[in-house]
Amino acid sequence: GLSQYSSDPRTEWDLSTYSTREQVLEAVRSLRYKGGNTFTGLALTHVLEQNLKPEAGARLEAEKLVILLTDGKSQDDANLAAQTLKNLGIEIFAIGVKNADEAELKQVASEPLELTVYNVLDFPLLSSLVGKLTRVLCTRIQEKSNMEKAGSAVKDIPVNMGPQLSPTDLKISAVTSKSMHLTWSPPLRAPKKYRIVYYPSKGGAPKEVVLDGAVSSLQLSNLTSHTEYLVSVFPVYDTAVGDGLRGVTSTLPLSSPRSLRVSELSHNSIRLSWKAAQGATQYLVLCSAVPSGAED
């Protein structure tokens, strides 16, 4: 579904209007730009009251995601309207262009802000966001799908679980090139178990760990070095799944050899020496003639 706004929000098409990718793309090509003011709070309220209703195509069991695209600072209270959506379990991604207020984007967007807030200098640069944003959105939806397949009664859960069923304060620490440590504060009502899902932000199969509900920390190991990971922690009850905690962090790069020195040159040999790289078990040494032409 898509709505445009200035001082008066306008629904361009509902969630149920089109059923194929080609139809949506044709609708985008035919879209006429709506200029005017920037009443973002009013627009978010419009989305909640008009676009996320069953009669507009919203399905009760489906994840609710809103992407806000704006090129200016709101002229009304966007934060209050955004908080209403978030309290109902609706996730907001905020994308700013040109003169957008980054502080406002961060207020409006859902946590973690590293995954939900984006800012570019001009409209043509939006294309640079498509890949990562698509992966983040699709993986978010896939997480819920995985929970449903596992037998959790997702479709019977109220949209907003409240603090009694949801953990808080996810902390990621002791990050190395291959591991990281997770801790969180348990919800008021202890879950039966936790499901921790983690995966590289640039694509890759999600991995999952299941913990007893009495445990609130986990060491993730065997990770790939110098890679950004998305982490989600879900509390699982007998008949419900609480809201997930999400975080993002990057593993450290592997240590490198340093201080390369060349000595003992002859007509057909040279000696190389360097300071060791911590943890390295082997070195691969490549040399080639300059200009290129000789074999490596």
Foldseek 3Di string as FASTA:
>chain_A
DDWDDAPDIDDLAAPPRDDDPVVVVVSVVVDDDDDHHAAQLNNLVCCVVPRCDVVRPHDLLAAAEEEAEEAEEHPDPNLVSLVVCVQLQYFYAYEYEAHYDQVVRVSNGDPPNVLRYYYDHHDVCVVVCVQLNVLSVVVVRVVSVVVVVVPAQRSPDGSHPDQQQEWDDWDWDPFAQFKIKIFTGAGVHQAQKKKKWKDFSNDDDIDIDIGGSVDGMDMGGRHHGQTKMKMWIWGHHPHHIHDIDIDIDHHHHFFDWDDWDWDDDDPPDIDIDTHDGPPDPDDDDDDADPPHDDDD
